[in-house]
Amino acid sequence: MLSLNELWFILVSVLFIGFFFLEGFDFGVGIVSRFLGKSDQERRILINTIGPYWDANEVWLITAGGAMFAAFPEWYATLFSGFYIPFVVLLLALIARGVAFEFRGKMDHGIWKKTWDAAIFIGSLLPPFLFGVVFANLIRGVPIDSHKEMIGSVFDLLNGYALAGGVAVVLLCILHGLVFITLRTNGVLRDRARKAARDIGPAVAAVLLIFAVMTYFSTDIYTVHGAQWIALPVLAGAALVLAGLFIKKKRDGWAFAMTGAVIILSVVSMFIGLFPRVMVSSISPDFHLTIYNAASGAYSLKVMTYISLTILPFVLGYQIWSYYVFRKRIDDKEHLEY
């Protein structure tokens, strides 16, 4: 039977999985819209594909952070203080991106729109890159001392393995976003997005393979969890191959399911690789943060479990309903908000 500590670790993992799956295509669309759209009209169509979703998708990140704060306060404190600068940059990027979505269509002026297009691009590029850097460092290990505090400078976090993780996450989001565009548009834009997805697919596969090899040499996941863990990255690789095949066959729904599966399996493999740790100390195994020494008290976890199980169905129901309501493809003849 699962302990409450294990249950909340799973819940936090599920929230991050939902965030990367949903916000992943948001980031991807934001990155490619500046280049895939050849005119202001086409860029407006691309931005409108994620218009009804992007703010709700970010709620998963806020909820994940709140769950960490409530269930694993030591994890939250060490993570957010140790990665303070990357998280501040990430927050500013998300703010700029959200403001750009709202302000871009307020004036019909070239410089105005180009400025906000740049904000959307940067605000969509930096967050997945920084998340990749942060989570790669989590599984690689960071200098955590006996007081559960990270020591060292921010430059220690910018190692080759972490930077490779950031690039891998960005490319995966771009692919996921391109496939999402094929589901939400018609005609020339859909064909252009499909071609771009075919072109970038090999690069995504190569970078993910390189990152998997680097994970073998830079982390202890393979040794701690053994051969069973390897099944997850293997399945992710198989899903990526299937995504490429479905893109070529113009089976856009299945292609999106496969790119989503790559993201899900990748995030699952990371959290399973960490378990029962939540942060790995590069100084000593005695200083690892785990689901036990970083958790709240048993009573707090119990109360939060009852509250979460009560609220969660309503949150999921609302988001499923919103995706159903806005399921229609974007037509270039209809009113475009952005």
Foldseek 3Di string as FASTA:
>chain_A
DDALLRVLLVVLLVLVLLLCLQCLLVLLLLQCLVPLDPDPLSSLQSLLLCVLPNVLSCVSVVVSLVSCCLWFVLLSVQLCVVCVVLVVVLVVLLVLLVVLSQCLPVDPDDVSNVVSSVSSNSSSLSNLLSVQLSLQCQQLAFAQDQVSHGDDDPVVSPDPLSNLRSVLSNLLSNLLNLLSLLQFADDPSNVSSLVVSLVSLVVSLVSLVVSVVVCVVRGCLCVVPHPVLVVLQVLLSVLSVVLNVCSVVVVSVSNSVSSSSNSSSVSVSSSVSQPQFRGHHPVDNVRTHGSPNRTDDSVSSVVVVVVCVVCVVVSVVVSVVSCVVSSHHDDSPDDRND
